[in-house]
Amino acid sequence: MRSVMSVSFPEHISSELESFAIETGRSKSDIIKESVALYLWDVRFNSLKKTMMHRAKKVGIVTEEDVFRALA
């Protein structure tokens, strides 16, 4: 199922979106859908990262290298 939404942008963002759509040969709708999906993923990931960082520090995982060593 799809939901239609109306979104209002400041003129400069609208112009940038229009230019980017032309440059990439994509529709503005596709660019906005992808952007929102990436934003939502990023917000969820950062929230999980904050939660897990506290737990990781308790077991001595502090750096990315520590994470990779723990997963190997």
Protein backbone atom coordinates (compact mmCIF):
# COMPACT_ATOMS: atom_id res chain seq x y z
CA MET A 1 0.00 0.00 0.00
CA ARG A 2 1.21 3.53 -0.72
CA SER A 3 0.55 6.77 1.05
CA VAL A 4 0.66 10.12 -0.74
CA MET A 5 2.14 13.03 1.21
CA SER A 6 2.59 16.66 0.46
CA VAL A 7 5.90 18.18 1.55
CA SER A 8 6.92 21.82 1.52
CA PHE A 9 10.59 22.82 1.11
CA PRO A 10 12.35 26.15 1.24
CA GLU A 11 13.08 27.44 -2.26
CA HIS A 12 16.82 26.76 -2.12
CA ILE A 13 16.30 23.10 -1.18
CA SER A 14 13.63 22.71 -3.83
CA SER A 15 16.02 24.13 -6.45
CA GLU A 16 18.83 21.83 -5.32
CA LEU A 17 16.50 18.83 -5.45
CA GLU A 18 15.34 19.77 -8.95
CA SER A 19 18.95 20.16 -10.16
CA PHE A 20 20.02 16.89 -8.55
CA ALA A 21 17.08 15.04 -10.11
CA ILE A 22 18.03 16.34 -13.55
CA GLU A 23 21.73 15.52 -13.04
CA THR A 24 21.04 11.98 -11.91
CA GLY A 25 18.08 11.24 -14.17
CA ARG A 26 15.95 10.28 -11.20
CA SER A 27 12.59 11.55 -10.07
CA LYS A 28 12.35 13.93 -7.13
CA SER A 29 9.97 11.47 -5.50
CA ASP A 30 12.55 8.64 -5.67
CA ILE A 31 15.27 10.88 -4.24
CA ILE A 32 13.03 11.95 -1.36
CA LYS A 33 11.93 8.35 -0.65
CA GLU A 34 15.53 7.18 -0.55
CA SER A 35 16.59 10.15 1.59
CA VAL A 36 13.86 9.55 4.17
CA ALA A 37 14.63 5.82 4.31
CA LEU A 38 18.34 6.54 4.85
CA TYR A 39 17.55 9.14 7.50
CA LEU A 40 15.27 6.77 9.42
CA TRP A 41 17.88 4.00 9.23
CA ASP A 42 20.58 6.41 10.46
CA VAL A 43 18.48 7.60 13.42
CA ARG A 44 17.68 4.02 14.45
CA PHE A 45 21.30 2.93 14.02
CA ASN A 46 22.64 5.83 16.12
CA SER A 47 20.09 5.11 18.84
CA LEU A 48 21.13 1.45 18.94
CA LYS A 49 24.78 2.46 18.88
CA LYS A 50 24.29 4.66 21.96
CA THR A 51 22.57 1.82 23.80
CA MET A 52 25.18 -0.73 22.83
CA MET A 53 28.16 1.57 23.52
CA HIS A 54 27.40 1.50 27.24
CA ARG A 55 27.19 -2.30 27.25
CA ALA A 56 30.31 -2.65 25.11
CA LYS A 57 32.42 -0.50 27.43
CA LYS A 58 31.46 -2.75 30.33
CA VAL A 59 33.07 -5.72 28.56
CA GLY A 60 36.09 -3.80 27.29
CA ILE A 61 34.99 -3.02 23.75
CA VAL A 62 35.93 0.60 23.16
CA THR A 63 37.25 0.95 19.59
CA GLU A 64 36.14 -0.35 16.19
CA GLU A 65 39.15 -2.67 16.26
CA ASP A 66 37.82 -4.15 19.51
CA VAL A 67 34.49 -4.80 17.76
CA PHE A 68 36.16 -6.55 14.83
CA ARG A 69 38.30 -8.66 17.17
CA ALA A 70 35.20 -9.65 19.16
CA LEU A 71 33.37 -10.69 15.98
CA ALA A 72 36.26 -12.64 14.45
